[in-house]
């Protein structure tokens, strides 16, 4: 295997509030290799987006971050603002959740992509930048790219705005592309089109991708590896086959059982009971214990560690060896 493009080691992120410190990410470690797609899944509030924003240093002033994130020999967490600005948007780029609010409504889409190009390539002329903008919009499937470049974000549909955001993110051929819920609020057909665009872009540029989503169906056809987060911690990590067919974590199993079955053979969906815990209070034992059908008194005594199971597979659970595979009798 090639050397990692990004190595995150014991990263923790907390937000200082009037009520106390919200521990949004707790002691997570992972790697992303060149050309690889790593999917990060979990319920809202599990720490997926916070992890990505911490890597990009796009966090508010009340944030406390510990740990390291090595990107091609450079440490991102402690990097100064000037050096970070040279990497952000150039070598690491991000596609944000809501393209309507991520883009400036008073500038044309073409002007905003042009700015992204010229900030990181100061010698680029306006004509060369405009030509590049048209090429990028054409690459991501925007029809009539020359005309569309002169339009404003509100003149684009939801799917078109998402394509424009992708074009902006890849404008400088980043080595790592972070896609934060890139298909949120889009219909199924447009979701498939956006994901196809992302894969085409990845082939074209050779970039690695960190795909943040709560849609396991989307992950199945898109990722090389998956890491599952819950209540600020990594619960399970592994390849697509290890997560979907050999999952050894009750939370991952619960997520898989909640996926709709188009053929209707599964019957009623199995919702996960209860709610995620508050991240303001120190968690005693396993965070998923109150919602887990396999919980025992041992689960409430101490936080289980992430145990390697072979290959790239690891799970955080005391009962990993006792869990029946999905579809088998419990």
Protein backbone atom coordinates (compact mmCIF):
# COMPACT_ATOMS: atom_id res chain seq x y z
CA UNK A 1 0.00 0.00 0.00
CA UNK A 2 1.17 3.53 -0.80
CA UNK A 3 2.19 6.01 1.88
CA UNK A 4 -0.82 7.78 3.43
CA UNK A 5 -1.77 11.15 2.01
CA UNK A 6 -3.29 12.12 5.36
CA UNK A 7 -2.61 10.61 8.78
CA UNK A 8 -4.84 11.73 11.66
CA UNK A 9 -3.64 10.67 15.11
CA UNK A 10 -5.66 11.01 18.35
CA UNK A 11 -7.65 14.01 17.13
CA UNK A 12 -10.08 15.55 19.64
CA UNK A 13 -12.27 18.63 19.15
CA UNK A 14 -14.17 20.47 21.89
CA UNK A 15 -16.33 23.59 21.85
CA UNK A 16 -16.30 25.88 24.90
CA UNK A 17 -19.86 27.01 25.68
CA UNK A 18 -21.68 28.61 28.63
CA UNK A 19 -22.92 25.16 29.63
CA UNK A 20 -19.49 23.55 29.46
CA UNK A 21 -17.25 21.89 26.87
CA UNK A 22 -19.02 20.01 24.07
CA UNK A 23 -16.72 17.12 23.13
CA UNK A 24 -17.63 16.88 19.46
CA UNK A 25 -14.75 14.57 18.45
CA UNK A 26 -12.94 12.28 20.87
CA UNK A 27 -9.58 10.64 20.18
CA UNK A 28 -9.99 9.46 16.59
CA UNK A 29 -7.21 8.17 14.34
CA UNK A 30 -7.36 7.26 10.65
CA UNK A 31 -5.52 7.45 7.33
CA UNK A 32 -6.45 8.36 3.78
CA UNK A 33 -4.31 7.07 0.90
CA UNK A 34 -3.84 8.67 -2.54
CA UNK A 35 -6.77 7.98 -4.86
CA UNK A 36 -8.82 6.36 -2.10
CA UNK A 37 -12.43 7.13 -1.11
CA UNK A 38 -12.96 7.02 2.65
CA UNK A 39 -16.61 7.29 3.71
CA UNK A 40 -17.45 8.67 7.17
CA UNK A 41 -20.97 7.72 8.27
CA UNK A 42 -23.14 8.16 11.35
CA UNK A 43 -26.14 10.02 12.71
CA UNK A 44 -26.27 13.82 12.85
CA UNK A 45 -24.07 15.13 15.67
CA UNK A 46 -21.67 12.18 15.62
CA UNK A 47 -18.67 14.38 14.73
CA UNK A 48 -18.32 13.73 11.00
CA UNK A 49 -18.35 17.32 9.72
CA UNK A 50 -16.52 18.67 12.77
CA UNK A 51 -13.61 16.32 11.97
CA UNK A 52 -13.38 17.68 8.42
CA UNK A 53 -13.69 21.31 9.50
CA UNK A 54 -10.94 20.82 12.09
CA UNK A 55 -8.62 19.48 9.37
CA UNK A 56 -9.34 22.58 7.29
CA UNK A 57 -9.08 24.94 10.31
CA UNK A 58 -12.60 26.21 9.60
CA UNK A 59 -13.69 26.15 13.23
CA UNK A 60 -14.97 29.01 15.46
CA UNK A 61 -12.82 30.76 18.03
CA UNK A 62 -14.24 28.80 20.97
CA UNK A 63 -12.77 25.54 19.64
CA UNK A 64 -10.07 23.49 21.34
CA UNK A 65 -8.26 20.93 19.18
CA UNK A 66 -5.67 18.35 20.25
CA UNK A 67 -3.90 15.60 18.34
CA UNK A 68 -2.14 15.72 14.98
CA UNK A 69 -3.06 15.57 11.30
CA UNK A 70 -0.09 15.02 8.99
CA UNK A 71 -0.73 15.92 5.34
CA UNK A 72 2.24 15.05 3.14
CA UNK A 73 4.67 15.74 5.97
CA UNK A 74 2.95 18.94 7.15
CA UNK A 75 1.03 19.18 10.41
CA UNK A 76 -2.38 20.76 9.82
CA UNK A 77 -3.70 21.22 13.38
CA UNK A 78 -0.91 23.54 14.53
CA UNK A 79 -0.24 25.15 11.15
CA UNK A 80 -0.28 28.96 10.99
CA UNK A 81 -3.01 30.87 9.16
CA UNK A 82 -0.83 31.92 6.25
CA UNK A 83 0.40 28.39 5.47
CA UNK A 84 -3.10 26.98 5.96
CA UNK A 85 -4.56 29.42 3.45
CA UNK A 86 -2.06 28.23 0.86
CA UNK A 87 -3.23 24.63 1.33
CA UNK A 88 -6.97 25.23 1.81
CA UNK A 89 -8.65 25.37 -1.60
CA UNK A 90 -5.47 24.33 -3.36
CA UNK A 91 -4.23 20.99 -2.01
CA UNK A 92 -7.23 20.25 0.22
CA UNK A 93 -10.66 21.39 -0.94
CA UNK A 94 -14.14 21.00 0.51
CA UNK A 95 -17.61 20.65 -0.97
CA UNK A 96 -19.97 22.04 1.65
CA UNK A 97 -23.40 20.71 2.59
CA UNK A 98 -25.53 23.57 1.28
CA UNK A 99 -24.29 25.07 -1.97
CA UNK A 100 -26.83 27.91 -1.78
CA UNK A 101 -25.39 29.30 1.45
CA UNK A 102 -21.79 28.30 0.63
CA UNK A 103 -21.76 30.52 -2.48
CA UNK A 104 -21.96 34.32 -2.40
CA UNK A 105 -25.35 35.37 -3.86
CA UNK A 106 -24.11 38.76 -5.17
CA UNK A 107 -21.32 37.39 -7.41
CA UNK A 108 -21.72 35.23 -10.49
CA UNK A 109 -20.73 31.58 -10.29
CA UNK A 110 -17.96 32.22 -12.82
CA UNK A 111 -16.49 35.10 -10.78
CA UNK A 112 -16.40 32.95 -7.64
CA UNK A 113 -14.60 30.09 -9.38
CA UNK A 114 -12.24 32.59 -11.03
CA UNK A 115 -11.33 34.00 -7.62
CA UNK A 116 -10.53 30.49 -6.36
CA UNK A 117 -8.15 29.99 -9.29
CA UNK A 118 -6.41 33.37 -9.12
CA UNK A 119 -5.93 33.41 -5.34
CA UNK A 120 -3.76 30.29 -5.58
CA UNK A 121 -2.29 31.13 -9.01
CA UNK A 122 -1.69 34.93 -8.94
CA UNK A 123 -0.16 35.03 -12.41
CA UNK A 124 -3.29 33.66 -14.11
CA UNK A 125 -4.86 36.22 -16.48
CA UNK A 126 -8.59 36.89 -16.50
CA UNK A 127 -8.97 35.31 -19.94
CA UNK A 128 -7.09 32.15 -18.89
CA UNK A 129 -9.14 31.91 -15.69
CA UNK A 130 -12.39 32.35 -17.63
CA UNK A 131 -11.39 29.60 -20.03
CA UNK A 132 -10.60 27.32 -17.07
CA UNK A 133 -14.00 28.12 -15.48
CA UNK A 134 -15.83 27.06 -18.64
CA UNK A 135 -13.78 23.85 -18.79
CA UNK A 136 -14.57 23.06 -15.14
CA UNK A 137 -18.30 23.66 -15.53
CA UNK A 138 -18.30 21.46 -18.63
CA UNK A 139 -16.39 18.75 -16.74
CA UNK A 140 -19.00 18.59 -13.97
CA UNK A 141 -21.88 18.42 -16.45
CA UNK A 142 -23.25 21.98 -16.41
CA UNK A 143 -25.00 22.60 -19.78
CA UNK A 144 -24.05 25.69 -21.77
CA UNK A 145 -21.09 26.34 -19.42
CA UNK A 146 -20.06 29.65 -21.03
CA UNK A 147 -23.51 31.17 -20.49
CA UNK A 148 -23.98 29.57 -17.09
CA UNK A 149 -20.69 31.01 -15.83
CA UNK A 150 -22.18 34.51 -16.03
CA UNK A 151 -25.26 33.55 -13.97
CA UNK A 152 -25.81 33.93 -10.23
CA UNK A 153 -26.27 31.02 -7.77
CA UNK A 154 -30.05 31.65 -7.45
CA UNK A 155 -30.38 31.03 -11.20
CA UNK A 156 -29.13 27.46 -10.74
CA UNK A 157 -31.23 24.50 -9.60
CA UNK A 158 -30.16 22.56 -6.49
CA UNK A 159 -28.33 19.93 -8.52
CA UNK A 160 -26.67 22.57 -10.70
CA UNK A 161 -25.46 24.51 -7.65
CA UNK A 162 -23.94 21.32 -6.27
CA UNK A 163 -22.13 20.79 -9.57
CA UNK A 164 -20.86 24.38 -9.44
CA UNK A 165 -19.57 23.77 -5.91
CA UNK A 166 -17.73 20.69 -7.16
CA UNK A 167 -16.23 22.73 -10.00
CA UNK A 168 -15.02 25.33 -7.50
CA UNK A 169 -13.55 22.67 -5.23
CA UNK A 170 -11.54 20.99 -8.01
CA UNK A 171 -10.43 24.23 -9.67
CA UNK A 172 -6.84 23.81 -8.45
CA UNK A 173 -6.63 19.99 -8.73
CA UNK A 174 -6.54 19.26 -4.97
CA UNK A 175 -4.90 16.09 -3.70
CA UNK A 176 -7.67 15.62 -1.12
CA UNK A 177 -11.33 16.42 -1.72
CA UNK A 178 -13.66 16.54 1.30
CA UNK A 179 -17.29 16.06 0.26
CA UNK A 180 -19.58 16.95 3.18
CA UNK A 181 -23.05 15.52 2.49
CA UNK A 182 -22.74 16.34 -1.25
CA UNK A 183 -26.23 14.98 -2.07
CA UNK A 184 -28.24 16.50 0.81
CA UNK A 185 -31.76 17.64 -0.19
CA UNK A 186 -31.37 16.32 -3.75
CA UNK A 187 -33.73 13.81 -5.32
CA UNK A 188 -32.50 10.28 -6.03
CA UNK A 189 -31.84 10.87 -9.73
CA UNK A 190 -29.78 14.02 -9.10
CA UNK A 191 -27.93 12.25 -6.23
CA UNK A 192 -26.78 9.58 -8.68
CA UNK A 193 -25.69 12.23 -11.18
CA UNK A 194 -23.71 14.17 -8.55
CA UNK A 195 -21.95 11.01 -7.35
CA UNK A 196 -21.12 10.10 -10.95
CA UNK A 197 -19.62 13.57 -11.40
CA UNK A 198 -17.50 13.13 -8.26
CA UNK A 199 -16.17 9.79 -9.50
CA UNK A 200 -15.39 11.22 -12.93
CA UNK A 201 -13.59 14.15 -11.28
CA UNK A 202 -11.61 11.80 -9.08
CA UNK A 203 -10.49 9.78 -12.11
CA UNK A 204 -9.60 12.98 -13.95
CA UNK A 205 -7.57 14.53 -11.11
CA UNK A 206 -6.39 11.42 -9.20
CA UNK A 207 -7.47 13.00 -5.90
CA UNK A 208 -8.41 11.13 -2.73
CA UNK A 209 -11.85 11.75 -1.25
CA UNK A 210 -13.29 11.92 2.25
CA UNK A 211 -17.02 11.36 1.74
CA UNK A 212 -19.14 12.45 4.72
CA UNK A 213 -22.69 11.09 4.67
CA UNK A 214 -25.45 9.42 6.65
CA UNK A 215 -26.61 7.48 3.57
CA UNK A 216 -25.18 3.94 3.71
CA UNK A 217 -26.77 3.16 0.35
CA UNK A 218 -24.69 5.94 -1.18
CA UNK A 219 -21.56 4.56 0.50
CA UNK A 220 -22.02 1.04 -0.87
CA UNK A 221 -21.34 2.06 -4.45
CA UNK A 222 -18.88 4.86 -3.80
CA UNK A 223 -16.28 4.09 -1.12
CA UNK A 224 -13.21 1.90 -0.66
CA UNK A 225 -13.27 2.07 3.14
CA UNK A 226 -15.83 3.12 5.73
CA UNK A 227 -15.54 4.49 9.23
CA UNK A 228 -18.62 4.68 11.43
CA UNK A 229 -18.88 7.44 14.07
CA UNK A 230 -21.21 7.74 17.04
CA UNK A 231 -21.23 10.32 19.86
CA UNK A 232 -17.84 11.77 18.83
CA UNK A 233 -16.00 8.42 18.60
CA UNK A 234 -15.06 5.92 15.91
CA UNK A 235 -17.24 2.82 16.44
CA UNK A 236 -16.10 0.67 13.53
CA UNK A 237 -13.81 0.92 10.53
CA UNK A 238 -13.06 -1.39 7.62
CA UNK A 239 -13.46 -2.07 3.92
CA UNK A 240 -16.87 -2.02 2.25
CA UNK A 241 -17.18 -5.83 2.54
CA UNK A 242 -16.04 -5.84 6.18
CA UNK A 243 -18.60 -3.21 7.15
CA UNK A 244 -21.56 -4.40 5.08
CA UNK A 245 -21.14 -8.18 5.36
CA UNK A 246 -18.93 -8.78 8.40
CA UNK A 247 -19.91 -5.89 10.69
CA UNK A 248 -19.01 -6.53 14.32
CA UNK A 249 -20.57 -3.52 16.00
CA UNK A 250 -24.18 -3.15 17.26
CA UNK A 251 -24.41 0.46 16.10
CA UNK A 252 -23.30 -0.35 12.55
CA UNK A 253 -25.74 -3.27 12.49
CA UNK A 254 -28.54 -0.96 13.63
CA UNK A 255 -27.71 1.50 10.83
CA UNK A 256 -27.72 -1.29 8.24
CA UNK A 257 -31.07 -2.61 9.47
CA UNK A 258 -32.59 0.85 9.06
CA UNK A 259 -31.84 1.01 5.31
CA UNK A 260 -35.07 0.83 3.26
CA UNK A 261 -35.49 -2.32 1.16
CA UNK A 262 -36.94 -1.48 -2.26
CA UNK A 263 -38.19 -5.06 -2.72
CA UNK A 264 -40.03 -4.99 0.59
CA UNK A 265 -38.63 -8.31 1.77
CA UNK A 266 -37.40 -6.85 5.09
CA UNK A 267 -40.84 -5.68 6.17
CA UNK A 268 -41.03 -2.68 8.51
CA UNK A 269 -37.88 -0.61 9.02
CA UNK A 270 -36.07 -1.19 12.31
CA UNK A 271 -35.60 2.24 13.85
CA UNK A 272 -32.84 2.74 16.43
CA UNK A 273 -34.58 3.43 19.77
CA UNK A 274 -33.73 6.45 21.91
CA UNK A 275 -31.49 9.39 21.09
CA UNK A 276 -27.73 10.02 20.98
CA UNK A 277 -26.27 11.15 24.33
CA UNK A 278 -25.40 14.72 25.28
CA UNK A 279 -21.78 15.50 24.51
CA UNK A 280 -21.64 18.03 27.36
CA UNK A 281 -21.43 15.33 30.01
CA UNK A 282 -18.58 12.81 30.40
CA UNK A 283 -19.77 9.49 28.97
CA UNK A 284 -19.62 6.57 31.39
CA UNK A 285 -19.03 3.30 29.57
CA UNK A 286 -20.11 2.67 25.99
CA UNK A 287 -21.98 5.66 24.52
CA UNK A 288 -24.34 3.39 22.57
CA UNK A 289 -25.26 1.28 25.62
CA UNK A 290 -28.68 2.91 26.36
CA UNK A 291 -29.84 2.12 22.79
CA UNK A 292 -28.15 -1.26 22.33
CA UNK A 293 -30.01 -4.58 22.48
CA UNK A 294 -26.75 -6.40 23.34
CA UNK A 295 -25.82 -4.20 26.34
CA UNK A 296 -24.65 -5.86 29.58
CA UNK A 297 -23.53 -4.38 32.94
CA UNK A 298 -19.93 -4.53 31.67
CA UNK A 299 -20.81 -1.97 28.96
CA UNK A 300 -21.57 0.69 31.58
CA UNK A 301 -18.31 0.33 33.49
CA UNK A 302 -15.74 1.69 31.02
CA UNK A 303 -15.49 2.90 27.43
CA UNK A 304 -14.55 -0.07 25.17
CA UNK A 305 -11.45 0.36 23.04
CA UNK A 306 -11.22 0.07 19.26
CA UNK A 307 -10.07 -3.55 18.76
CA UNK A 308 -8.43 -4.76 15.53
CA UNK A 309 -10.21 -7.78 14.05
CA UNK A 310 -7.91 -8.53 11.15
CA UNK A 311 -7.29 -6.88 7.80
CA UNK A 312 -8.43 -3.26 8.00
CA UNK A 313 -11.35 -4.14 10.28
CA UNK A 314 -11.65 -2.73 13.82
CA UNK A 315 -14.62 -2.36 16.19
CA UNK A 316 -15.36 -0.66 19.51
CA UNK A 317 -17.53 -3.18 21.42
CA UNK A 318 -17.20 -5.64 24.32
CA UNK A 319 -19.32 -8.21 22.49
CA UNK A 320 -17.72 -8.20 19.04
CA UNK A 321 -17.26 -11.99 19.01
CA UNK A 322 -20.88 -12.66 20.04
CA UNK A 323 -22.70 -10.64 17.39
CA UNK A 324 -24.55 -12.56 14.69
CA UNK A 325 -24.04 -11.39 11.09
CA UNK A 326 -26.76 -9.26 9.52
CA UNK A 327 -29.59 -11.48 8.35
CA UNK A 328 -28.68 -14.35 10.70
CA UNK A 329 -30.76 -15.20 13.79
CA UNK A 330 -29.74 -13.08 16.78
